[in-house]
Amino acid sequence: MKFFKVLVLALMPFLFTGCSNGEINDPLKKEAKSTKPIEQVVCRSSPPILNSEGIKRNLIKRGVITSDMSASEAEKKVSEFINKKRSAFKDCGNKKK
């Protein structure tokens, strides 16, 4: 009987560690808890345009500017594109959901 008590006392720490809380040792739940929160997109406009030739080339590729347009009409289309892009950020952050 004394041997049985000694054996139970010696094995108790191992039994209790095996019965520990499953949430602590569950690797799937650890991964779920460690996910990053969704970051909100910061509203900011594009950097100032130093050279509008790249925009002009892209507008030509997209068919907004055609070969039969004059240079002033093409520049007007580029300016309209830039203004439209900038106006999208005018009231950024002011919209309430």
PDB file of N, CA and C in Angstrom:
ATOM      1  N   MET A   1       0.823  -1.187   0.000  1.00  0.00           N
ATOM      2  CA  MET A   1       0.000   0.000   0.000  1.00  0.00           C
ATOM      3  C   MET A   1       0.868   1.253   0.000  1.00  0.00           C
ATOM      4  N   LYS A   2       1.970   1.192   0.755  1.00  0.00           N
ATOM      5  CA  LYS A   2       2.869   2.333   0.816  1.00  0.00           C
ATOM      6  C   LYS A   2       3.509   2.571  -0.555  1.00  0.00           C
ATOM      7  N   PHE A   3       3.832   1.488  -1.244  1.00  0.00           N
ATOM      8  CA  PHE A   3       4.420   1.608  -2.574  1.00  0.00           C
ATOM      9  C   PHE A   3       3.440   2.283  -3.539  1.00  0.00           C
ATOM     10  N   PHE A   4       2.173   1.942  -3.421  1.00  0.00           N
ATOM     11  CA  PHE A   4       1.145   2.526  -4.282  1.00  0.00           C
ATOM     12  C   PHE A   4       1.030   4.032  -4.052  1.00  0.00           C
ATOM     13  N   LYS A   5       1.071   4.486  -2.792  1.00  0.00           N
ATOM     14  CA  LYS A   5       0.988   5.912  -2.475  1.00  0.00           C
ATOM     15  C   LYS A   5       2.189   6.667  -3.041  1.00  0.00           C
ATOM     16  N   VAL A   6       3.373   6.075  -2.913  1.00  0.00           N
ATOM     17  CA  VAL A   6       4.582   6.712  -3.434  1.00  0.00           C
ATOM     18  C   VAL A   6       4.504   6.804  -4.962  1.00  0.00           C
ATOM     19  N   LEU A   7       4.021   5.750  -5.569  1.00  0.00           N
ATOM     20  CA  LEU A   7       3.894   5.736  -7.017  1.00  0.00           C
ATOM     21  C   LEU A   7       2.889   6.789  -7.494  1.00  0.00           C
ATOM     22  N   VAL A   8       1.765   6.913  -6.811  1.00  0.00           N
ATOM     23  CA  VAL A   8       0.749   7.900  -7.186  1.00  0.00           C
ATOM     24  C   VAL A   8       1.297   9.307  -6.998  1.00  0.00           C
ATOM     25  N   LEU A   9       1.978   9.561  -5.884  1.00  0.00           N
ATOM     26  CA  LEU A   9       2.558  10.884  -5.638  1.00  0.00           C
ATOM     27  C   LEU A   9       3.633  11.223  -6.667  1.00  0.00           C
ATOM     28  N   ALA A  10       4.378  10.246  -7.108  1.00  0.00           N
ATOM     29  CA  ALA A  10       5.428  10.490  -8.097  1.00  0.00           C
ATOM     30  C   ALA A  10       4.832  10.762  -9.480  1.00  0.00           C
ATOM     31  N   LEU A  11       3.713  10.130  -9.788  1.00  0.00           N
ATOM     32  CA  LEU A  11       3.108  10.285 -11.105  1.00  0.00           C
ATOM     33  C   LEU A  11       2.101  11.434 -11.186  1.00  0.00           C
ATOM     34  N   MET A  12       1.697  12.012 -10.062  1.00  0.00           N
ATOM     35  CA  MET A  12       0.704  13.094 -10.066  1.00  0.00           C
ATOM     36  C   MET A  12       1.120  14.301 -10.908  1.00  0.00           C
ATOM     37  N   PRO A  13       2.345  14.789 -10.814  1.00  0.00           N
ATOM     38  CA  PRO A  13       2.701  15.948 -11.651  1.00  0.00           C
ATOM     39  C   PRO A  13       2.556  15.660 -13.147  1.00  0.00           C
ATOM     40  N   PHE A  14       2.893  14.452 -13.556  1.00  0.00           N
ATOM     41  CA  PHE A  14       2.752  14.090 -14.967  1.00  0.00           C
ATOM     42  C   PHE A  14       1.284  14.006 -15.378  1.00  0.00           C
ATOM     43  N   LEU A  15       0.434  13.517 -14.469  1.00  0.00           N
ATOM     44  CA  LEU A  15      -0.988  13.435 -14.771  1.00  0.00           C
ATOM     45  C   LEU A  15      -1.600  14.819 -14.893  1.00  0.00           C
ATOM     46  N   PHE A  16      -1.206  15.732 -14.007  1.00  0.00           N
ATOM     47  CA  PHE A  16      -1.784  17.077 -14.045  1.00  0.00           C
ATOM     48  C   PHE A  16      -1.312  17.875 -15.259  1.00  0.00           C
ATOM     49  N   THR A  17      -0.090  17.674 -15.696  1.00  0.00           N
ATOM     50  CA  THR A  17       0.358  18.389 -16.896  1.00  0.00           C
ATOM     51  C   THR A  17      -0.350  17.857 -18.136  1.00  0.00           C
ATOM     52  N   GLY A  18      -0.714  16.601 -18.130  1.00  0.00           N
ATOM     53  CA  GLY A  18      -1.454  16.032 -19.249  1.00  0.00           C
ATOM     54  C   GLY A  18      -2.891  16.519 -19.294  1.00  0.00           C
ATOM     55  N   CYS A  19      -3.421  16.947 -18.163  1.00  0.00           N
ATOM     56  CA  CYS A  19      -4.806  17.423 -18.090  1.00  0.00           C
ATOM     57  C   CYS A  19      -4.889  18.943 -18.130  1.00  0.00           C
ATOM     58  N   SER A  20      -3.849  19.582 -18.595  1.00  0.00           N
ATOM     59  CA  SER A  20      -3.863  21.048 -18.615  1.00  0.00           C
ATOM     60  C   SER A  20      -4.885  21.556 -19.617  1.00  0.00           C
ATOM     61  N   ASN A  21      -5.129  22.828 -19.584  1.00  0.00           N
ATOM     62  CA  ASN A  21      -6.117  23.469 -20.447  1.00  0.00           C
ATOM     63  C   ASN A  21      -5.718  23.280 -21.911  1.00  0.00           C
ATOM     64  N   GLY A  22      -6.626  22.776 -22.730  1.00  0.00           N
ATOM     65  CA  GLY A  22      -6.343  22.501 -24.132  1.00  0.00           C
ATOM     66  C   GLY A  22      -6.138  23.752 -24.956  1.00  0.00           C
ATOM     67  N   GLU A  23      -6.707  24.887 -24.533  1.00  0.00           N
ATOM     68  CA  GLU A  23      -6.557  26.116 -25.308  1.00  0.00           C
ATOM     69  C   GLU A  23      -5.111  26.587 -25.341  1.00  0.00           C
ATOM     70  N   ILE A  24      -4.403  26.366 -24.294  1.00  0.00           N
ATOM     71  CA  ILE A  24      -3.016  26.826 -24.226  1.00  0.00           C
ATOM     72  C   ILE A  24      -2.138  26.018 -25.175  1.00  0.00           C
ATOM     73  N   ASN A  25      -2.390  24.712 -25.252  1.00  0.00           N
ATOM     74  CA  ASN A  25      -1.523  23.845 -26.039  1.00  0.00           C
ATOM     75  C   ASN A  25      -2.020  23.608 -27.460  1.00  0.00           C
ATOM     76  N   ASP A  26      -3.141  24.177 -27.837  1.00  0.00           N
ATOM     77  CA  ASP A  26      -3.699  23.948 -29.164  1.00  0.00           C
ATOM     78  C   ASP A  26      -3.024  24.880 -30.176  1.00  0.00           C
ATOM     79  N   PRO A  27      -2.186  24.355 -31.085  1.00  0.00           N
ATOM     80  CA  PRO A  27      -1.468  25.235 -32.021  1.00  0.00           C
ATOM     81  C   PRO A  27      -2.389  25.930 -33.019  1.00  0.00           C
ATOM     82  N   LEU A  28      -3.524  25.325 -33.363  1.00  0.00           N
ATOM     83  CA  LEU A  28      -4.433  25.960 -34.312  1.00  0.00           C
ATOM     84  C   LEU A  28      -5.048  27.220 -33.728  1.00  0.00           C
ATOM     85  N   LYS A  29      -5.387  27.181 -32.465  1.00  0.00           N
ATOM     86  CA  LYS A  29      -5.975  28.364 -31.843  1.00  0.00           C
ATOM     87  C   LYS A  29      -4.921  29.439 -31.632  1.00  0.00           C
ATOM     88  N   LYS A  30      -3.678  29.045 -31.403  1.00  0.00           N
ATOM     89  CA  LYS A  30      -2.614  30.041 -31.275  1.00  0.00           C
ATOM     90  C   LYS A  30      -2.446  30.794 -32.587  1.00  0.00           C
ATOM     91  N   GLU A  31      -2.511  30.063 -33.702  1.00  0.00           N
ATOM     92  CA  GLU A  31      -2.380  30.708 -35.005  1.00  0.00           C
ATOM     93  C   GLU A  31      -3.547  31.650 -35.261  1.00  0.00           C
ATOM     94  N   ALA A  32      -4.730  31.243 -34.854  1.00  0.00           N
ATOM     95  CA  ALA A  32      -5.902  32.084 -35.070  1.00  0.00           C
ATOM     96  C   ALA A  32      -5.814  33.360 -34.244  1.00  0.00           C
ATOM     97  N   LYS A  33      -5.263  33.263 -33.045  1.00  0.00           N
ATOM     98  CA  LYS A  33      -5.143  34.436 -32.188  1.00  0.00           C
ATOM     99  C   LYS A  33      -4.024  35.354 -32.648  1.00  0.00           C
ATOM    100  N   SER A  34      -3.043  34.811 -33.337  1.00  0.00           N
ATOM    101  CA  SER A  34      -1.882  35.615 -33.713  1.00  0.00           C
ATOM    102  C   SER A  34      -2.054  36.326 -35.053  1.00  0.00           C
ATOM    103  N   THR A  35      -3.243  36.275 -35.633  1.00  0.00           N
ATOM    104  CA  THR A  35      -3.438  36.977 -36.896  1.00  0.00           C
ATOM    105  C   THR A  35      -3.437  38.474 -36.657  1.00  0.00           C
ATOM    106  N   LYS A  36      -2.940  39.188 -37.627  1.00  0.00           N
ATOM    107  CA  LYS A  36      -2.849  40.639 -37.513  1.00  0.00           C
ATOM    108  C   LYS A  36      -4.218  41.262 -37.749  1.00  0.00           C
ATOM    109  N   PRO A  37      -4.517  42.320 -37.032  1.00  0.00           N
ATOM    110  CA  PRO A  37      -5.778  43.011 -37.319  1.00  0.00           C
ATOM    111  C   PRO A  37      -5.710  43.690 -38.683  1.00  0.00           C
ATOM    112  N   ILE A  38      -6.843  43.870 -39.290  1.00  0.00           N
ATOM    113  CA  ILE A  38      -6.899  44.491 -40.612  1.00  0.00           C
ATOM    114  C   ILE A  38      -6.560  45.966 -40.478  1.00  0.00           C
ATOM    115  N   GLU A  39      -5.560  46.377 -41.220  1.00  0.00           N
ATOM    116  CA  GLU A  39      -5.150  47.774 -41.176  1.00  0.00           C
ATOM    117  C   GLU A  39      -6.033  48.588 -42.106  1.00  0.00           C
ATOM    118  N   GLN A  40      -6.433  49.752 -41.625  1.00  0.00           N
ATOM    119  CA  GLN A  40      -7.246  50.614 -42.462  1.00  0.00           C
ATOM    120  C   GLN A  40      -6.343  51.357 -43.432  1.00  0.00           C
ATOM    121  N   VAL A  41      -6.834  51.522 -44.633  1.00  0.00           N
ATOM    122  CA  VAL A  41      -6.074  52.205 -45.667  1.00  0.00           C
ATOM    123  C   VAL A  41      -6.025  53.692 -45.338  1.00  0.00           C
ATOM    124  N   VAL A  42      -4.834  54.240 -45.402  1.00  0.00           N
ATOM    125  CA  VAL A  42      -4.655  55.655 -45.125  1.00  0.00           C
ATOM    126  C   VAL A  42      -4.989  56.439 -46.389  1.00  0.00           C
ATOM    127  N   CYS A  43      -5.775  57.478 -46.219  1.00  0.00           N
ATOM    128  CA  CYS A  43      -6.139  58.316 -47.367  1.00  0.00           C
ATOM    129  C   CYS A  43      -5.002  59.276 -47.668  1.00  0.00           C
ATOM    130  N   ARG A  44      -4.482  59.183 -48.830  1.00  0.00           N
ATOM    131  CA  ARG A  44      -3.480  60.155 -49.268  1.00  0.00           C
ATOM    132  C   ARG A  44      -3.468  60.191 -50.787  1.00  0.00           C
ATOM    133  N   SER A  45      -3.194  61.348 -51.280  1.00  0.00           N
ATOM    134  CA  SER A  45      -3.196  61.503 -52.733  1.00  0.00           C
ATOM    135  C   SER A  45      -1.880  61.009 -53.313  1.00  0.00           C
ATOM    136  N   SER A  46      -1.853  60.901 -54.612  1.00  0.00           N
ATOM    137  CA  SER A  46      -0.637  60.460 -55.284  1.00  0.00           C
ATOM    138  C   SER A  46       0.410  61.569 -55.229  1.00  0.00           C
ATOM    139  N   PRO A  47       1.662  61.224 -55.385  1.00  0.00           N
ATOM    140  CA  PRO A  47       2.705  62.251 -55.377  1.00  0.00           C
ATOM    141  C   PRO A  47       2.544  63.200 -56.561  1.00  0.00           C
ATOM    142  N   PRO A  48       3.139  64.371 -56.469  1.00  0.00           N
ATOM    143  CA  PRO A  48       3.014  65.316 -57.582  1.00  0.00           C
ATOM    144  C   PRO A  48       3.591  64.728 -58.871  1.00  0.00           C
ATOM    145  N   ILE A  49       2.954  65.040 -59.965  1.00  0.00           N
ATOM    146  CA  ILE A  49       3.356  64.499 -61.264  1.00  0.00           C
ATOM    147  C   ILE A  49       4.430  65.399 -61.854  1.00  0.00           C
ATOM    148  N   LEU A  50       5.604  64.835 -62.058  1.00  0.00           N
ATOM    149  CA  LEU A  50       6.725  65.600 -62.594  1.00  0.00           C
ATOM    150  C   LEU A  50       6.765  65.553 -64.113  1.00  0.00           C
ATOM    151  N   ASN A  51       6.351  64.428 -64.675  1.00  0.00           N
ATOM    152  CA  ASN A  51       6.395  64.258 -66.122  1.00  0.00           C
ATOM    153  C   ASN A  51       5.097  63.584 -66.558  1.00  0.00           C
ATOM    154  N   SER A  52       4.311  64.278 -67.343  1.00  0.00           N
ATOM    155  CA  SER A  52       3.012  63.741 -67.754  1.00  0.00           C
ATOM    156  C   SER A  52       3.092  62.905 -69.030  1.00  0.00           C
ATOM    157  N   GLU A  53       4.284  62.705 -69.560  1.00  0.00           N
ATOM    158  CA  GLU A  53       4.424  61.922 -70.794  1.00  0.00           C
ATOM    159  C   GLU A  53       4.012  60.466 -70.595  1.00  0.00           C
ATOM    160  N   GLY A  54       4.314  59.912 -69.428  1.00  0.00           N
ATOM    161  CA  GLY A  54       3.912  58.531 -69.154  1.00  0.00           C
ATOM    162  C   GLY A  54       2.400  58.387 -69.118  1.00  0.00           C
ATOM    163  N   ILE A  55       1.740  59.371 -68.516  1.00  0.00           N
ATOM    164  CA  ILE A  55       0.278  59.359 -68.490  1.00  0.00           C
ATOM    165  C   ILE A  55      -0.266  59.479 -69.905  1.00  0.00           C
ATOM    166  N   LYS A  56       0.350  60.338 -70.687  1.00  0.00           N
ATOM    167  CA  LYS A  56      -0.092  60.530 -72.073  1.00  0.00           C
ATOM    168  C   LYS A  56       0.046  59.230 -72.868  1.00  0.00           C
ATOM    169  N   ARG A  57       1.174  58.518 -72.687  1.00  0.00           N
ATOM    170  CA  ARG A  57       1.370  57.240 -73.386  1.00  0.00           C
ATOM    171  C   ARG A  57       0.298  56.225 -72.990  1.00  0.00           C
ATOM    172  N   ASN A  58      -0.010  56.170 -71.691  1.00  0.00           N
ATOM    173  CA  ASN A  58      -1.029  55.225 -71.237  1.00  0.00           C
ATOM    174  C   ASN A  58      -2.412  55.581 -71.768  1.00  0.00           C
ATOM    175  N   LEU A  59      -2.715  56.873 -71.837  1.00  0.00           N
ATOM    176  CA  LEU A  59      -4.009  57.285 -72.383  1.00  0.00           C
ATOM    177  C   LEU A  59      -4.100  56.989 -73.876  1.00  0.00           C
ATOM    178  N   ILE A  60      -2.976  57.063 -74.575  1.00  0.00           N
ATOM    179  CA  ILE A  60      -2.955  56.692 -75.998  1.00  0.00           C
ATOM    180  C   ILE A  60      -3.202  55.191 -76.141  1.00  0.00           C
ATOM    181  N   LYS A  61      -2.556  54.379 -75.282  1.00  0.00           N
ATOM    182  CA  LYS A  61      -2.743  52.927 -75.327  1.00  0.00           C
ATOM    183  C   LYS A  61      -4.191  52.544 -75.042  1.00  0.00           C
ATOM    184  N   ARG A  62      -4.831  53.272 -74.120  1.00  0.00           N
ATOM    185  CA  ARG A  62      -6.212  52.971 -73.747  1.00  0.00           C
ATOM    186  C   ARG A  62      -7.220  53.540 -74.733  1.00  0.00           C
ATOM    187  N   GLY A  63      -6.766  54.357 -75.662  1.00  0.00           N
ATOM    188  CA  GLY A  63      -7.659  54.901 -76.676  1.00  0.00           C
ATOM    189  C   GLY A  63      -8.359  56.183 -76.275  1.00  0.00           C
ATOM    190  N   VAL A  64      -7.967  56.775 -75.153  1.00  0.00           N
ATOM    191  CA  VAL A  64      -8.567  58.043 -74.729  1.00  0.00           C
ATOM    192  C   VAL A  64      -8.057  59.171 -75.613  1.00  0.00           C
ATOM    193  N   ILE A  65      -6.778  59.105 -75.938  1.00  0.00           N
ATOM    194  CA  ILE A  65      -6.170  60.080 -76.848  1.00  0.00           C
ATOM    195  C   ILE A  65      -5.955  59.370 -78.181  1.00  0.00           C
ATOM    196  N   THR A  66      -6.471  59.967 -79.232  1.00  0.00           N
ATOM    197  CA  THR A  66      -6.328  59.368 -80.564  1.00  0.00           C
ATOM    198  C   THR A  66      -5.337  60.172 -81.396  1.00  0.00           C
ATOM    199  N   SER A  67      -4.920  59.599 -82.509  1.00  0.00           N
ATOM    200  CA  SER A  67      -3.921  60.256 -83.357  1.00  0.00           C
ATOM    201  C   SER A  67      -4.486  61.470 -84.093  1.00  0.00           C
ATOM    202  N   ASP A  68      -5.794  61.544 -84.253  1.00  0.00           N
ATOM    203  CA  ASP A  68      -6.369  62.688 -84.959  1.00  0.00           C
ATOM    204  C   ASP A  68      -6.632  63.887 -84.040  1.00  0.00           C
ATOM    205  N   MET A  69      -6.292  63.770 -82.752  1.00  0.00           N
ATOM    206  CA  MET A  69      -6.439  64.899 -81.823  1.00  0.00           C
ATOM    207  C   MET A  69      -5.255  65.838 -81.952  1.00  0.00           C
ATOM    208  N   SER A  70      -5.510  67.108 -81.697  1.00  0.00           N
ATOM    209  CA  SER A  70      -4.409  68.077 -81.699  1.00  0.00           C
ATOM    210  C   SER A  70      -3.643  67.957 -80.383  1.00  0.00           C
ATOM    211  N   ALA A  71      -2.480  68.601 -80.333  1.00  0.00           N
ATOM    212  CA  ALA A  71      -1.650  68.547 -79.129  1.00  0.00           C
ATOM    213  C   ALA A  71      -2.363  69.186 -77.940  1.00  0.00           C
ATOM    214  N   SER A  72      -3.094  70.271 -78.190  1.00  0.00           N
ATOM    215  CA  SER A  72      -3.800  70.935 -77.088  1.00  0.00           C
ATOM    216  C   SER A  72      -4.944  70.061 -76.559  1.00  0.00           C
ATOM    217  N   GLU A  73      -5.623  69.340 -77.456  1.00  0.00           N
ATOM    218  CA  GLU A  73      -6.685  68.432 -77.013  1.00  0.00           C
ATOM    219  C   GLU A  73      -6.108  67.278 -76.197  1.00  0.00           C
ATOM    220  N   ALA A  74      -4.941  66.779 -76.629  1.00  0.00           N
ATOM    221  CA  ALA A  74      -4.292  65.692 -75.897  1.00  0.00           C
ATOM    222  C   ALA A  74      -3.877  66.158 -74.505  1.00  0.00           C
ATOM    223  N   GLU A  75      -3.316  67.362 -74.415  1.00  0.00           N
ATOM    224  CA  GLU A  75      -2.925  67.904 -73.111  1.00  0.00           C
ATOM    225  C   GLU A  75      -4.148  68.125 -72.226  1.00  0.00           C
ATOM    226  N   LYS A  76      -5.254  68.507 -72.830  1.00  0.00           N
ATOM    227  CA  LYS A  76      -6.490  68.703 -72.074  1.00  0.00           C
ATOM    228  C   LYS A  76      -6.961  67.375 -71.483  1.00  0.00           C
ATOM    229  N   LYS A  77      -6.858  66.298 -72.258  1.00  0.00           N
ATOM    230  CA  LYS A  77      -7.245  64.970 -71.768  1.00  0.00           C
ATOM    231  C   LYS A  77      -6.344  64.526 -70.615  1.00  0.00           C
ATOM    232  N   VAL A  78      -5.040  64.818 -70.734  1.00  0.00           N
ATOM    233  CA  VAL A  78      -4.106  64.471 -69.660  1.00  0.00           C
ATOM    234  C   VAL A  78      -4.460  65.254 -68.401  1.00  0.00           C
ATOM    235  N   SER A  79      -4.740  66.553 -68.550  1.00  0.00           N
ATOM    236  CA  SER A  79      -5.106  67.390 -67.403  1.00  0.00           C
ATOM    237  C   SER A  79      -6.406  66.913 -66.764  1.00  0.00           C
ATOM    238  N   GLU A  80      -7.373  66.524 -67.587  1.00  0.00           N
ATOM    239  CA  GLU A  80      -8.634  66.003 -67.059  1.00  0.00           C
ATOM    240  C   GLU A  80      -8.402  64.728 -66.257  1.00  0.00           C
ATOM    241  N   PHE A  81      -7.535  63.850 -66.773  1.00  0.00           N
ATOM    242  CA  PHE A  81      -7.226  62.609 -66.069  1.00  0.00           C
ATOM    243  C   PHE A  81      -6.590  62.903 -64.715  1.00  0.00           C
ATOM    244  N   ILE A  82      -5.621  63.818 -64.690  1.00  0.00           N
ATOM    245  CA  ILE A  82      -4.934  64.159 -63.443  1.00  0.00           C
ATOM    246  C   ILE A  82      -5.915  64.788 -62.452  1.00  0.00           C
ATOM    247  N   ASN A  83      -6.750  65.712 -62.917  1.00  0.00           N
ATOM    248  CA  ASN A  83      -7.721  66.358 -62.030  1.00  0.00           C
ATOM    249  C   ASN A  83      -8.740  65.363 -61.484  1.00  0.00           C
ATOM    250  N   LYS A  84      -9.160  64.430 -62.317  1.00  0.00           N
ATOM    251  CA  LYS A  84     -10.110  63.412 -61.874  1.00  0.00           C
ATOM    252  C   LYS A  84      -9.479  62.528 -60.801  1.00  0.00           C
ATOM    253  N   LYS A  85      -8.225  62.191 -60.998  1.00  0.00           N
ATOM    254  CA  LYS A  85      -7.519  61.355 -60.032  1.00  0.00           C
ATOM    255  C   LYS A  85      -7.343  62.089 -58.705  1.00  0.00           C
ATOM    256  N   ARG A  86      -7.012  63.356 -58.756  1.00  0.00           N
ATOM    257  CA  ARG A  86      -6.813  64.142 -57.535  1.00  0.00           C
ATOM    258  C   ARG A  86      -8.131  64.417 -56.816  1.00  0.00           C
ATOM    259  N   SER A  87      -9.216  64.593 -57.570  1.00  0.00           N
ATOM    260  CA  SER A  87     -10.501  64.905 -56.937  1.00  0.00           C
ATOM    261  C   SER A  87     -11.045  63.720 -56.144  1.00  0.00           C
ATOM    262  N   ALA A  88     -10.580  62.523 -56.451  1.00  0.00           N
ATOM    263  CA  ALA A  88     -11.026  61.348 -55.708  1.00  0.00           C
ATOM    264  C   ALA A  88     -10.574  61.413 -54.257  1.00  0.00           C
ATOM    265  N   PHE A  89      -9.506  62.129 -53.968  1.00  0.00           N
ATOM    266  CA  PHE A  89      -8.978  62.220 -52.612  1.00  0.00           C
ATOM    267  C   PHE A  89      -9.413  63.491 -51.895  1.00  0.00           C
ATOM    268  N   LYS A  90     -10.227  64.307 -52.546  1.00  0.00           N
ATOM    269  CA  LYS A  90     -10.613  65.590 -51.960  1.00  0.00           C
ATOM    270  C   LYS A  90     -11.360  65.403 -50.647  1.00  0.00           C
ATOM    271  N   ASP A  91     -12.362  64.533 -50.637  1.00  0.00           N
ATOM    272  CA  ASP A  91     -13.129  64.317 -49.417  1.00  0.00           C
ATOM    273  C   ASP A  91     -12.844  62.939 -48.822  1.00  0.00           C
ATOM    274  N   CYS A  92     -11.633  62.483 -48.971  1.00  0.00           N
ATOM    275  CA  CYS A  92     -11.214  61.199 -48.426  1.00  0.00           C
ATOM    276  C   CYS A  92     -11.223  61.277 -46.897  1.00  0.00           C
ATOM    277  N   GLY A  93     -11.822  60.319 -46.257  1.00  0.00           N
ATOM    278  CA  GLY A  93     -11.894  60.302 -44.804  1.00  0.00           C
ATOM    279  C   GLY A  93     -13.098  61.035 -44.258  1.00  0.00           C
ATOM    280  N   ASN A  94     -13.763  61.838 -45.064  1.00  0.00           N
ATOM    281  CA  ASN A  94     -14.934  62.568 -44.599  1.00  0.00           C
ATOM    282  C   ASN A  94     -16.213  61.755 -44.750  1.00  0.00           C
ATOM    283  N   LYS A  95     -16.158  60.700 -45.537  1.00  0.00           N
ATOM    284  CA  LYS A  95     -17.342  59.869 -45.751  1.00  0.00           C
ATOM    285  C   LYS A  95     -17.561  59.005 -44.521  1.00  0.00           C
ATOM    286  N   LYS A  96     -18.775  59.001 -44.017  1.00  0.00           N
ATOM    287  CA  LYS A  96     -19.120  58.168 -42.862  1.00  0.00           C
ATOM    288  C   LYS A  96     -19.848  56.932 -43.355  1.00  0.00           C
ATOM    289  N   LYS A  97     -19.525  55.825 -42.725  1.00  0.00           N
ATOM    290  CA  LYS A  97     -20.146  54.557 -43.116  1.00  0.00           C
ATOM    291  C   LYS A  97     -21.436  54.350 -42.361  1.00  0.00           C
TER     292      LYS A  97
END
